[in-house]
């Protein structure tokens, strides 16, 4: 179960890093939105840190964060380099940023739900469902943001 939380943490960190990196090359509202999305991913990481500490019954999170900066795996399982190469030119407007974010969150939701169906560990299943619920909430937030840009 620890490995699932560590993988989720790495994906959240990868997406946070992606949003931040792309925001540096943008101006105006798209840049602000990307920074806001990066902050949301920070919140997801905090939640995963809490889950990890409960699972390990420890405040030592060094094992959780080890290697996440090198992996740069985004939600949906993309590597940072792969995703930047494929999408860099298509995230110029707020709508494009939100569409991209919704796609990644939907893929993360799908990933967590698929993992939950594959595990026999009840505790792992519960955690994966909680992670899925958080992704659903994030999708809802992004949908609301999308409506405001229309």
Protein backbone atom coordinates (compact mmCIF):
# COMPACT_ATOMS: atom_id res chain seq x y z
CA UNK A 1 0.00 0.00 0.00
CA UNK A 2 2.86 2.33 0.75
CA UNK A 3 3.97 1.98 -2.86
CA UNK A 4 0.59 3.17 -4.16
CA UNK A 5 0.74 6.28 -1.98
CA UNK A 6 4.33 6.91 -3.06
CA UNK A 7 3.37 6.57 -6.73
CA UNK A 8 0.42 8.93 -6.25
CA UNK A 9 2.68 11.42 -4.48
CA UNK A 10 5.19 11.25 -7.33
CA UNK A 11 2.42 11.88 -9.88
CA UNK A 12 1.07 14.85 -7.93
CA UNK A 13 4.58 16.29 -7.63
CA UNK A 14 5.16 15.72 -11.34
CA UNK A 15 2.02 17.61 -12.25
CA UNK A 16 2.80 20.39 -9.77
CA UNK A 17 6.21 20.73 -11.35
CA UNK A 18 4.71 20.68 -14.85
CA UNK A 19 2.21 23.45 -14.07
CA UNK A 20 4.92 25.53 -12.44
CA UNK A 21 7.41 25.03 -15.28
CA UNK A 22 4.87 25.89 -17.96
CA UNK A 23 3.66 28.94 -15.99
CA UNK A 24 7.14 30.43 -16.26
CA UNK A 25 6.77 30.63 -20.04
CA UNK A 26 3.27 32.14 -19.95
CA UNK A 27 1.87 35.56 -19.10
CA UNK A 28 -1.39 36.91 -17.78
CA UNK A 29 -4.34 34.75 -16.86
CA UNK A 30 -2.98 31.44 -18.23
CA UNK A 31 0.14 31.87 -16.06
CA UNK A 32 -1.97 32.70 -12.99
CA UNK A 33 -4.18 29.69 -13.60
CA UNK A 34 -1.18 27.40 -13.98
CA UNK A 35 0.22 28.68 -10.67
CA UNK A 36 -3.15 28.07 -9.02
CA UNK A 37 -3.23 24.52 -10.38
CA UNK A 38 0.29 23.95 -9.07
CA UNK A 39 -0.89 25.07 -5.63
CA UNK A 40 -3.80 22.62 -5.79
CA UNK A 41 -1.36 19.80 -6.50
CA UNK A 42 0.61 20.91 -3.43
CA UNK A 43 -2.58 20.36 -1.45
CA UNK A 44 -2.92 16.87 -2.89
CA UNK A 45 0.65 16.15 -1.85
CA UNK A 46 -0.11 17.30 1.71
CA UNK A 47 -3.09 14.94 1.83
CA UNK A 48 -0.97 12.05 0.57
CA UNK A 49 1.69 12.89 3.15
CA UNK A 50 -0.94 12.64 5.89
CA UNK A 51 -2.11 9.29 4.52
CA UNK A 52 1.47 8.03 4.35
CA UNK A 53 2.19 9.07 7.94
CA UNK A 54 -0.95 7.27 9.13
CA UNK A 55 -0.01 4.14 7.20
CA UNK A 56 3.54 4.10 8.51
CA UNK A 57 2.65 5.42 11.96
CA UNK A 58 5.61 7.76 11.61
CA UNK A 59 6.37 11.38 10.82
CA UNK A 60 9.42 10.36 8.77
CA UNK A 61 8.43 11.04 5.17
CA UNK A 62 11.89 10.79 3.63
CA UNK A 63 10.94 7.51 1.96
CA UNK A 64 7.84 9.15 0.49
CA UNK A 65 9.63 12.03 -1.16
CA UNK A 66 12.82 10.22 -2.17
CA UNK A 67 13.14 10.20 -5.92
CA UNK A 68 9.98 12.13 -6.74
CA UNK A 69 11.87 15.05 -8.20
CA UNK A 70 13.81 12.75 -10.49
CA UNK A 71 10.82 10.73 -11.67
CA UNK A 72 8.63 13.60 -12.86
CA UNK A 73 5.70 11.30 -13.52
CA UNK A 74 2.48 13.18 -14.15
CA UNK A 75 -1.02 12.09 -13.31
CA UNK A 76 -2.06 9.75 -16.04
CA UNK A 77 1.39 8.14 -16.01
CA UNK A 78 3.12 10.44 -18.52
CA UNK A 79 6.73 11.45 -18.01
CA UNK A 80 7.36 15.17 -17.83
CA UNK A 81 9.52 15.21 -20.95
CA UNK A 82 7.03 13.16 -22.95
CA UNK A 83 4.14 15.38 -21.97
CA UNK A 84 5.96 18.66 -22.55
CA UNK A 85 6.98 17.46 -26.00
CA UNK A 86 3.41 16.55 -26.93
CA UNK A 87 1.51 19.45 -25.41
CA UNK A 88 3.74 22.50 -25.05
CA UNK A 89 2.18 24.40 -27.94
CA UNK A 90 -1.40 23.66 -26.98
CA UNK A 91 -1.59 25.38 -23.60
CA UNK A 92 -1.70 29.07 -24.36
CA UNK A 93 -5.20 30.06 -23.21
CA UNK A 94 -7.09 29.56 -19.96
CA UNK A 95 -9.48 27.19 -21.70
CA UNK A 96 -6.59 25.09 -23.02
CA UNK A 97 -4.99 24.97 -19.57
CA UNK A 98 -8.26 23.85 -18.00
CA UNK A 99 -8.92 21.27 -20.71
CA UNK A 100 -5.46 19.83 -20.20
CA UNK A 101 -5.85 19.77 -16.42
CA UNK A 102 -9.24 18.06 -16.69
CA UNK A 103 -7.77 15.41 -18.97
CA UNK A 104 -4.96 14.67 -16.52
CA UNK A 105 -7.26 14.58 -13.51
CA UNK A 106 -9.67 12.23 -15.30
CA UNK A 107 -6.78 9.91 -16.11
CA UNK A 108 -5.64 9.98 -12.49
CA UNK A 109 -9.17 9.19 -11.34
CA UNK A 110 -9.29 6.27 -13.75
CA UNK A 111 -5.91 5.03 -12.53
CA UNK A 112 -6.93 5.12 -8.85
CA UNK A 113 -10.22 3.36 -9.55
CA UNK A 114 -8.54 0.66 -11.65
CA UNK A 115 -5.98 0.06 -8.89
CA UNK A 116 -8.79 -0.14 -6.33
CA UNK A 117 -10.47 -2.91 -8.31
CA UNK A 118 -7.24 -4.88 -8.57
CA UNK A 119 -6.29 -4.94 -4.90
CA UNK A 120 -7.52 -7.41 -2.32
CA UNK A 121 -6.34 -5.14 0.49
CA UNK A 122 -9.39 -3.38 1.96
CA UNK A 123 -7.36 -0.53 3.45
CA UNK A 124 -5.64 0.05 0.11
CA UNK A 125 -9.01 0.05 -1.63
CA UNK A 126 -10.35 2.66 0.80
CA UNK A 127 -7.33 4.91 0.28
CA UNK A 128 -7.58 4.59 -3.48
CA UNK A 129 -11.27 5.50 -3.33
CA UNK A 130 -10.42 8.55 -1.20
CA UNK A 131 -7.82 9.57 -3.75
CA UNK A 132 -10.40 9.07 -6.47
CA UNK A 133 -12.87 11.23 -4.57
CA UNK A 134 -10.26 13.97 -4.34
CA UNK A 135 -9.71 13.77 -8.10
CA UNK A 136 -13.49 14.00 -8.64
CA UNK A 137 -13.57 17.13 -6.48
CA UNK A 138 -10.67 18.55 -8.46
CA UNK A 139 -12.50 17.80 -11.72
CA UNK A 140 -15.56 19.58 -10.37
CA UNK A 141 -13.47 22.61 -9.43
CA UNK A 142 -11.89 22.65 -12.88
CA UNK A 143 -15.32 22.36 -14.48
CA UNK A 144 -16.52 25.36 -12.50
CA UNK A 145 -13.44 27.29 -13.56
CA UNK A 146 -14.10 26.32 -17.18
CA UNK A 147 -17.66 27.64 -16.96
CA UNK A 148 -16.35 30.98 -15.72
CA UNK A 149 -14.03 31.31 -18.72
CA UNK A 150 -16.82 30.65 -21.23
